[in-house]
Each structure stands twice: as structure tokens, then as C-alpha cells.
Amino acid sequence: MYQSTSYEAWQGIQEKLGDKQKIVLWAFRSQGDMTNAEMAEFLNWPINSTVPRVHELRGKGLVGSKGSKIGKSGTRCIIWGVV
């Protein structure tokens, strides 16, 4: 169960986010940590729509690095998640 203050803080954050930012944050909360490519695949968005939204959420302190892994392309990718 959530505390009422936690709910109020969450509502305050939601009001300050754009629609696409809300979708990306929801995806992290529902699916867990993932790379930009995994996020783009999950949302069925082009990567150039996903990366800026993750970057914006990082700037707001809502998303941060959770490690790295080798992606499908064979290069090292940062894993992002809710902080």
C-alpha cells in the first residue's frame, strides 16, 4: 500500500511530464530495466523517439543507469531504469 504522500508526489511528477515521457516512465515501471533499443522495441517506436525521452527523464532524476550489457548489435548498451 502506498502512503498518501507518495501518491501526491507521484501525481506532482506526472503533471510535469509530457505524454511520451509518461509512456516511457510507465514502460520502465511496468517492464523493469531495459536498454534504449529494448524500450523502442517494447513501445514499437523508432529509436530516435525513445532516446530523447529517456534522456529527458534522466535530466529530471527519474531514470538512471542500472548497468550495461551487450546488445543485439554486439555493442555495449546502457541499461536504464527508474531510480
PDB file of N, CA and C in Angstrom:
ATOM      1  N   MET A   1       0.839  -1.182   0.000  1.00  0.00           N
ATOM      2  CA  MET A   1       0.000   0.000   0.000  1.00  0.00           C
ATOM      3  C   MET A   1       0.879   1.237   0.000  1.00  0.00           C
ATOM      4  N   TYR A   2       0.483   2.232  -0.764  1.00  0.00           N
ATOM      5  CA  TYR A   2       1.236   3.470  -0.865  1.00  0.00           C
ATOM      6  C   TYR A   2       0.801   4.452   0.212  1.00  0.00           C
ATOM      7  N   GLN A   3       1.752   5.243   0.673  1.00  0.00           N
ATOM      8  CA  GLN A   3       1.443   6.337   1.584  1.00  0.00           C
ATOM      9  C   GLN A   3       0.793   7.457   0.766  1.00  0.00           C
ATOM     10  N   SER A   4      -0.052   8.225   1.383  1.00  0.00           N
ATOM     11  CA  SER A   4      -0.709   9.312   0.653  1.00  0.00           C
ATOM     12  C   SER A   4       0.307  10.324   0.146  1.00  0.00           C
ATOM     13  N   THR A   5       1.391  10.535   0.899  1.00  0.00           N
ATOM     14  CA  THR A   5       2.414  11.480   0.441  1.00  0.00           C
ATOM     15  C   THR A   5       3.137  10.949  -0.793  1.00  0.00           C
ATOM     16  N   SER A   6       3.339   9.637  -0.889  1.00  0.00           N
ATOM     17  CA  SER A   6       3.960   9.048  -2.073  1.00  0.00           C
ATOM     18  C   SER A   6       3.067   9.246  -3.287  1.00  0.00           C
ATOM     19  N   TYR A   7       1.782   9.032  -3.112  1.00  0.00           N
ATOM     20  CA  TYR A   7       0.829   9.219  -4.202  1.00  0.00           C
ATOM     21  C   TYR A   7       0.815  10.673  -4.652  1.00  0.00           C
ATOM     22  N   GLU A   8       0.832  11.603  -3.709  1.00  0.00           N
ATOM     23  CA  GLU A   8       0.830  13.021  -4.050  1.00  0.00           C
ATOM     24  C   GLU A   8       2.104  13.400  -4.808  1.00  0.00           C
ATOM     25  N   ALA A   9       3.239  12.853  -4.396  1.00  0.00           N
ATOM     26  CA  ALA A   9       4.496  13.125  -5.094  1.00  0.00           C
ATOM     27  C   ALA A   9       4.444  12.576  -6.509  1.00  0.00           C
ATOM     28  N   TRP A  10       3.910  11.362  -6.662  1.00  0.00           N
ATOM     29  CA  TRP A  10       3.777  10.752  -7.986  1.00  0.00           C
ATOM     30  C   TRP A  10       2.871  11.605  -8.876  1.00  0.00           C
ATOM     31  N   GLN A  11       1.775  12.073  -8.342  1.00  0.00           N
ATOM     32  CA  GLN A  11       0.858  12.920  -9.112  1.00  0.00           C
ATOM     33  C   GLN A  11       1.562  14.211  -9.537  1.00  0.00           C
ATOM     34  N   GLY A  12       2.363  14.781  -8.641  1.00  0.00           N
ATOM     35  CA  GLY A  12       3.091  16.005  -8.959  1.00  0.00           C
ATOM     36  C   GLY A  12       4.074  15.805 -10.091  1.00  0.00           C
ATOM     37  N   ILE A  13       4.747  14.661 -10.111  1.00  0.00           N
ATOM     38  CA  ILE A  13       5.679  14.334 -11.190  1.00  0.00           C
ATOM     39  C   ILE A  13       4.916  14.164 -12.494  1.00  0.00           C
ATOM     40  N   GLN A  14       3.817  13.433 -12.462  1.00  0.00           N
ATOM     41  CA  GLN A  14       3.036  13.161 -13.665  1.00  0.00           C
ATOM     42  C   GLN A  14       2.558  14.434 -14.335  1.00  0.00           C
ATOM     43  N   GLU A  15       2.194  15.417 -13.538  1.00  0.00           N
ATOM     44  CA  GLU A  15       1.683  16.666 -14.092  1.00  0.00           C
ATOM     45  C   GLU A  15       2.761  17.450 -14.833  1.00  0.00           C
ATOM     46  N   LYS A  16       4.034  17.187 -14.520  1.00  0.00           N
ATOM     47  CA  LYS A  16       5.142  17.932 -15.119  1.00  0.00           C
ATOM     48  C   LYS A  16       5.768  17.194 -16.305  1.00  0.00           C
ATOM     49  N   LEU A  17       5.243  16.036 -16.675  1.00  0.00           N
ATOM     50  CA  LEU A  17       5.804  15.250 -17.767  1.00  0.00           C
ATOM     51  C   LEU A  17       4.952  15.363 -19.022  1.00  0.00           C
ATOM     52  N   GLY A  18       5.617  15.289 -20.169  1.00  0.00           N
ATOM     53  CA  GLY A  18       4.906  15.235 -21.435  1.00  0.00           C
ATOM     54  C   GLY A  18       4.309  13.845 -21.634  1.00  0.00           C
ATOM     55  N   ASP A  19       3.434  13.714 -22.620  1.00  0.00           N
ATOM     56  CA  ASP A  19       2.762  12.434 -22.864  1.00  0.00           C
ATOM     57  C   ASP A  19       3.740  11.305 -23.155  1.00  0.00           C
ATOM     58  N   LYS A  20       4.720  11.542 -24.015  1.00  0.00           N
ATOM     59  CA  LYS A  20       5.689  10.489 -24.349  1.00  0.00           C
ATOM     60  C   LYS A  20       6.588  10.162 -23.164  1.00  0.00           C
ATOM     61  N   GLN A  21       6.925  11.159 -22.357  1.00  0.00           N
ATOM     62  CA  GLN A  21       7.709  10.910 -21.148  1.00  0.00           C
ATOM     63  C   GLN A  21       6.926  10.008 -20.189  1.00  0.00           C
ATOM     64  N   LYS A  22       5.638  10.260 -20.068  1.00  0.00           N
ATOM     65  CA  LYS A  22       4.795   9.437 -19.197  1.00  0.00           C
ATOM     66  C   LYS A  22       4.760   7.991 -19.685  1.00  0.00           C
ATOM     67  N   ILE A  23       4.684   7.806 -20.994  1.00  0.00           N
ATOM     68  CA  ILE A  23       4.639   6.453 -21.554  1.00  0.00           C
ATOM     69  C   ILE A  23       5.940   5.721 -21.280  1.00  0.00           C
ATOM     70  N   VAL A  24       7.079   6.404 -21.478  1.00  0.00           N
ATOM     71  CA  VAL A  24       8.378   5.771 -21.238  1.00  0.00           C
ATOM     72  C   VAL A  24       8.538   5.435 -19.752  1.00  0.00           C
ATOM     73  N   LEU A  25       8.157   6.348 -18.880  1.00  0.00           N
ATOM     74  CA  LEU A  25       8.258   6.083 -17.442  1.00  0.00           C
ATOM     75  C   LEU A  25       7.352   4.919 -17.052  1.00  0.00           C
ATOM     76  N   TRP A  26       6.139   4.871 -17.595  1.00  0.00           N
ATOM     77  CA  TRP A  26       5.235   3.751 -17.353  1.00  0.00           C
ATOM     78  C   TRP A  26       5.880   2.440 -17.803  1.00  0.00           C
ATOM     79  N   ALA A  27       6.525   2.460 -18.978  1.00  0.00           N
ATOM     80  CA  ALA A  27       7.156   1.246 -19.507  1.00  0.00           C
ATOM     81  C   ALA A  27       8.249   0.754 -18.565  1.00  0.00           C
ATOM     82  N   PHE A  28       9.069   1.660 -18.055  1.00  0.00           N
ATOM     83  CA  PHE A  28      10.104   1.260 -17.093  1.00  0.00           C
ATOM     84  C   PHE A  28       9.474   0.681 -15.833  1.00  0.00           C
ATOM     85  N   ARG A  29       8.428   1.312 -15.348  1.00  0.00           N
ATOM     86  CA  ARG A  29       7.787   0.836 -14.114  1.00  0.00           C
ATOM     87  C   ARG A  29       7.105  -0.517 -14.317  1.00  0.00           C
ATOM     88  N   SER A  30       6.542  -0.741 -15.481  1.00  0.00           N
ATOM     89  CA  SER A  30       5.818  -1.994 -15.712  1.00  0.00           C
ATOM     90  C   SER A  30       6.714  -3.127 -16.195  1.00  0.00           C
ATOM     91  N   GLN A  31       7.765  -2.807 -16.967  1.00  0.00           N
ATOM     92  CA  GLN A  31       8.608  -3.848 -17.554  1.00  0.00           C
ATOM     93  C   GLN A  31       9.961  -3.994 -16.875  1.00  0.00           C
ATOM     94  N   GLY A  32      10.358  -3.006 -16.109  1.00  0.00           N
ATOM     95  CA  GLY A  32      11.655  -3.065 -15.443  1.00  0.00           C
ATOM     96  C   GLY A  32      12.746  -2.401 -16.276  1.00  0.00           C
ATOM     97  N   ASP A  33      13.979  -2.633 -15.876  1.00  0.00           N
ATOM     98  CA  ASP A  33      15.132  -2.006 -16.511  1.00  0.00           C
ATOM     99  C   ASP A  33      15.296  -2.523 -17.940  1.00  0.00           C
ATOM    100  N   MET A  34      15.714  -1.631 -18.839  1.00  0.00           N
ATOM    101  CA  MET A  34      15.953  -2.024 -20.227  1.00  0.00           C
ATOM    102  C   MET A  34      16.833  -1.007 -20.937  1.00  0.00           C
ATOM    103  N   THR A  35      17.373  -1.412 -22.067  1.00  0.00           N
ATOM    104  CA  THR A  35      18.187  -0.527 -22.890  1.00  0.00           C
ATOM    105  C   THR A  35      17.276   0.348 -23.749  1.00  0.00           C
ATOM    106  N   ASN A  36      17.873   1.345 -24.392  1.00  0.00           N
ATOM    107  CA  ASN A  36      17.088   2.192 -25.306  1.00  0.00           C
ATOM    108  C   ASN A  36      16.480   1.355 -26.422  1.00  0.00           C
ATOM    109  N   ALA A  37      17.257   0.426 -26.970  1.00  0.00           N
ATOM    110  CA  ALA A  37      16.755  -0.423 -28.063  1.00  0.00           C
ATOM    111  C   ALA A  37      15.602  -1.302 -27.589  1.00  0.00           C
ATOM    112  N   GLU A  38      15.723  -1.849 -26.380  1.00  0.00           N
ATOM    113  CA  GLU A  38      14.637  -2.669 -25.832  1.00  0.00           C
ATOM    114  C   GLU A  38      13.385  -1.834 -25.597  1.00  0.00           C
ATOM    115  N   MET A  39      13.577  -0.597 -25.134  1.00  0.00           N
ATOM    116  CA  MET A  39      12.444   0.301 -24.923  1.00  0.00           C
ATOM    117  C   MET A  39      11.749   0.588 -26.252  1.00  0.00           C
ATOM    118  N   ALA A  40      12.539   0.905 -27.280  1.00  0.00           N
ATOM    119  CA  ALA A  40      11.978   1.197 -28.599  1.00  0.00           C
ATOM    120  C   ALA A  40      11.205  -0.008 -29.127  1.00  0.00           C
ATOM    121  N   GLU A  41      11.751  -1.191 -28.934  1.00  0.00           N
ATOM    122  CA  GLU A  41      11.075  -2.402 -29.391  1.00  0.00           C
ATOM    123  C   GLU A  41       9.784  -2.630 -28.604  1.00  0.00           C
ATOM    124  N   PHE A  42       9.838  -2.465 -27.290  1.00  0.00           N
ATOM    125  CA  PHE A  42       8.661  -2.672 -26.456  1.00  0.00           C
ATOM    126  C   PHE A  42       7.535  -1.713 -26.845  1.00  0.00           C
ATOM    127  N   LEU A  43       7.890  -0.445 -27.055  1.00  0.00           N
ATOM    128  CA  LEU A  43       6.875   0.567 -27.375  1.00  0.00           C
ATOM    129  C   LEU A  43       6.522   0.589 -28.868  1.00  0.00           C
ATOM    130  N   ASN A  44       7.307  -0.122 -29.663  1.00  0.00           N
ATOM    131  CA  ASN A  44       7.138  -0.107 -31.116  1.00  0.00           C
ATOM    132  C   ASN A  44       7.302   1.315 -31.656  1.00  0.00           C
ATOM    133  N   TRP A  45       8.311   2.012 -31.118  1.00  0.00           N
ATOM    134  CA  TRP A  45       8.667   3.363 -31.530  1.00  0.00           C
ATOM    135  C   TRP A  45      10.013   3.312 -32.232  1.00  0.00           C
ATOM    136  N   PRO A  46      10.301   4.295 -33.094  1.00  0.00           N
ATOM    137  CA  PRO A  46      11.663   4.392 -33.631  1.00  0.00           C
ATOM    138  C   PRO A  46      12.622   4.780 -32.502  1.00  0.00           C
ATOM    139  N   ILE A  47      13.855   4.331 -32.614  1.00  0.00           N
ATOM    140  CA  ILE A  47      14.843   4.603 -31.564  1.00  0.00           C
ATOM    141  C   ILE A  47      15.025   6.097 -31.342  1.00  0.00           C
ATOM    142  N   ASN A  48      14.885   6.902 -32.414  1.00  0.00           N
ATOM    143  CA  ASN A  48      15.084   8.344 -32.258  1.00  0.00           C
ATOM    144  C   ASN A  48      13.913   9.031 -31.557  1.00  0.00           C
ATOM    145  N   SER A  49      12.859   8.302 -31.237  1.00  0.00           N
ATOM    146  CA  SER A  49      11.786   8.830 -30.383  1.00  0.00           C
ATOM    147  C   SER A  49      11.979   8.404 -28.932  1.00  0.00           C
ATOM    148  N   THR A  50      12.680   7.297 -28.756  1.00  0.00           N
ATOM    149  CA  THR A  50      12.886   6.742 -27.422  1.00  0.00           C
ATOM    150  C   THR A  50      14.043   7.407 -26.684  1.00  0.00           C
ATOM    151  N   VAL A  51      15.189   7.508 -27.350  1.00  0.00           N
ATOM    152  CA  VAL A  51      16.403   8.022 -26.703  1.00  0.00           C
ATOM    153  C   VAL A  51      16.195   9.411 -26.095  1.00  0.00           C
ATOM    154  N   PRO A  52      15.595  10.364 -26.817  1.00  0.00           N
ATOM    155  CA  PRO A  52      15.407  11.685 -26.192  1.00  0.00           C
ATOM    156  C   PRO A  52      14.513  11.658 -24.954  1.00  0.00           C
ATOM    157  N   ARG A  53      13.485  10.812 -24.963  1.00  0.00           N
ATOM    158  CA  ARG A  53      12.593  10.739 -23.796  1.00  0.00           C
ATOM    159  C   ARG A  53      13.334  10.170 -22.589  1.00  0.00           C
ATOM    160  N   VAL A  54      14.160   9.142 -22.809  1.00  0.00           N
ATOM    161  CA  VAL A  54      14.964   8.592 -21.712  1.00  0.00           C
ATOM    162  C   VAL A  54      15.922   9.658 -21.205  1.00  0.00           C
ATOM    163  N   HIS A  55      16.542  10.388 -22.111  1.00  0.00           N
ATOM    164  CA  HIS A  55      17.471  11.454 -21.732  1.00  0.00           C
ATOM    165  C   HIS A  55      16.755  12.525 -20.895  1.00  0.00           C
ATOM    166  N   GLU A  56      15.571  12.910 -21.302  1.00  0.00           N
ATOM    167  CA  GLU A  56      14.804  13.917 -20.547  1.00  0.00           C
ATOM    168  C   GLU A  56      14.463  13.411 -19.149  1.00  0.00           C
ATOM    169  N   LEU A  57      14.076  12.152 -19.046  1.00  0.00           N
ATOM    170  CA  LEU A  57      13.760  11.575 -17.727  1.00  0.00           C
ATOM    171  C   LEU A  57      15.004  11.465 -16.860  1.00  0.00           C
ATOM    172  N   ARG A  58      16.145  11.203 -17.478  1.00  0.00           N
ATOM    173  CA  ARG A  58      17.412  11.207 -16.737  1.00  0.00           C
ATOM    174  C   ARG A  58      17.672  12.598 -16.177  1.00  0.00           C
ATOM    175  N   GLY A  59      17.445  13.622 -16.983  1.00  0.00           N
ATOM    176  CA  GLY A  59      17.646  15.003 -16.551  1.00  0.00           C
ATOM    177  C   GLY A  59      16.752  15.402 -15.392  1.00  0.00           C
ATOM    178  N   LYS A  60      15.593  14.792 -15.304  1.00  0.00           N
ATOM    179  CA  LYS A  60      14.655  15.058 -14.210  1.00  0.00           C
ATOM    180  C   LYS A  60      14.953  14.196 -12.981  1.00  0.00           C
ATOM    181  N   GLY A  61      15.959  13.316 -13.093  1.00  0.00           N
ATOM    182  CA  GLY A  61      16.335  12.459 -11.970  1.00  0.00           C
ATOM    183  C   GLY A  61      15.397  11.284 -11.755  1.00  0.00           C
ATOM    184  N   LEU A  62      14.589  10.937 -12.754  1.00  0.00           N
ATOM    185  CA  LEU A  62      13.629   9.847 -12.608  1.00  0.00           C
ATOM    186  C   LEU A  62      14.162   8.523 -13.136  1.00  0.00           C
ATOM    187  N   VAL A  63      15.132   8.584 -14.031  1.00  0.00           N
ATOM    188  CA  VAL A  63      15.709   7.399 -14.649  1.00  0.00           C
ATOM    189  C   VAL A  63      17.224   7.496 -14.527  1.00  0.00           C
ATOM    190  N   GLY A  64      17.874   6.364 -14.306  1.00  0.00           N
ATOM    191  CA  GLY A  64      19.328   6.340 -14.198  1.00  0.00           C
ATOM    192  C   GLY A  64      19.898   5.038 -14.702  1.00  0.00           C
ATOM    193  N   SER A  65      21.213   5.008 -14.829  1.00  0.00           N
ATOM    194  CA  SER A  65      21.919   3.824 -15.316  1.00  0.00           C
ATOM    195  C   SER A  65      21.853   2.704 -14.280  1.00  0.00           C
ATOM    196  N   LYS A  66      21.566   1.508 -14.763  1.00  0.00           N
ATOM    197  CA  LYS A  66      21.491   0.334 -13.891  1.00  0.00           C
ATOM    198  C   LYS A  66      22.555  -0.701 -14.264  1.00  0.00           C
ATOM    199  N   GLY A  67      23.442  -0.334 -15.180  1.00  0.00           N
ATOM    200  CA  GLY A  67      24.498  -1.241 -15.618  1.00  0.00           C
ATOM    201  C   GLY A  67      24.607  -1.225 -17.125  1.00  0.00           C
ATOM    202  N   SER A  68      25.219  -2.265 -17.670  1.00  0.00           N
ATOM    203  CA  SER A  68      25.348  -2.365 -19.117  1.00  0.00           C
ATOM    204  C   SER A  68      25.346  -3.825 -19.530  1.00  0.00           C
ATOM    205  N   LYS A  69      25.159  -4.049 -20.823  1.00  0.00           N
ATOM    206  CA  LYS A  69      25.190  -5.403 -21.374  1.00  0.00           C
ATOM    207  C   LYS A  69      25.471  -5.307 -22.864  1.00  0.00           C
ATOM    208  N   ILE A  70      25.791  -6.424 -23.452  1.00  0.00           N
ATOM    209  CA  ILE A  70      25.997  -6.482 -24.887  1.00  0.00           C
ATOM    210  C   ILE A  70      24.621  -6.615 -25.547  1.00  0.00           C
ATOM    211  N   GLY A  71      24.313  -5.677 -26.436  1.00  0.00           N
ATOM    212  CA  GLY A  71      23.020  -5.669 -27.111  1.00  0.00           C
ATOM    213  C   GLY A  71      23.001  -6.560 -28.340  1.00  0.00           C
ATOM    214  N   LYS A  72      21.890  -6.560 -29.051  1.00  0.00           N
ATOM    215  CA  LYS A  72      21.726  -7.379 -30.248  1.00  0.00           C
ATOM    216  C   LYS A  72      22.736  -7.033 -31.333  1.00  0.00           C
ATOM    217  N   SER A  73      23.155  -5.775 -31.365  1.00  0.00           N
ATOM    218  CA  SER A  73      24.112  -5.336 -32.381  1.00  0.00           C
ATOM    219  C   SER A  73      25.538  -5.756 -32.061  1.00  0.00           C
ATOM    220  N   GLY A  74      25.750  -6.308 -30.862  1.00  0.00           N
ATOM    221  CA  GLY A  74      27.079  -6.734 -30.451  1.00  0.00           C
ATOM    222  C   GLY A  74      27.865  -5.644 -29.740  1.00  0.00           C
ATOM    223  N   THR A  75      27.271  -4.495 -29.522  1.00  0.00           N
ATOM    224  CA  THR A  75      27.943  -3.404 -28.817  1.00  0.00           C
ATOM    225  C   THR A  75      27.396  -3.302 -27.398  1.00  0.00           C
ATOM    226  N   ARG A  76      28.193  -2.678 -26.543  1.00  0.00           N
ATOM    227  CA  ARG A  76      27.785  -2.496 -25.147  1.00  0.00           C
ATOM    228  C   ARG A  76      26.707  -1.417 -25.075  1.00  0.00           C
ATOM    229  N   CYS A  77      25.625  -1.722 -24.352  1.00  0.00           N
ATOM    230  CA  CYS A  77      24.488  -0.811 -24.201  1.00  0.00           C
ATOM    231  C   CYS A  77      24.241  -0.547 -22.717  1.00  0.00           C
ATOM    232  N   ILE A  78      23.833   0.656 -22.423  1.00  0.00           N
ATOM    233  CA  ILE A  78      23.495   1.012 -21.042  1.00  0.00           C
ATOM    234  C   ILE A  78      22.075   0.524 -20.754  1.00  0.00           C
ATOM    235  N   ILE A  79      21.906  -0.046 -19.588  1.00  0.00           N
ATOM    236  CA  ILE A  79      20.598  -0.466 -19.113  1.00  0.00           C
ATOM    237  C   ILE A  79      20.061   0.666 -18.233  1.00  0.00           C
ATOM    238  N   TRP A  80      18.880   1.150 -18.555  1.00  0.00           N
ATOM    239  CA  TRP A  80      18.249   2.241 -17.815  1.00  0.00           C
ATOM    240  C   TRP A  80      17.117   1.728 -16.957  1.00  0.00           C
ATOM    241  N   GLY A  81      16.830   2.445 -15.869  1.00  0.00           N
ATOM    242  CA  GLY A  81      15.706   2.071 -15.019  1.00  0.00           C
ATOM    243  C   GLY A  81      15.304   3.211 -14.105  1.00  0.00           C
ATOM    244  N   VAL A  82      14.177   3.048 -13.468  1.00  0.00           N
ATOM    245  CA  VAL A  82      13.653   4.057 -12.538  1.00  0.00           C
ATOM    246  C   VAL A  82      14.548   4.092 -11.302  1.00  0.00           C
ATOM    247  N   VAL A  83      14.879   5.302 -10.874  1.00  0.00           N
ATOM    248  CA  VAL A  83      15.704   5.464  -9.662  1.00  0.00           C
ATOM    249  C   VAL A  83      14.852   5.846  -8.476  1.00  0.00           C
TER     250      VAL A  83
END
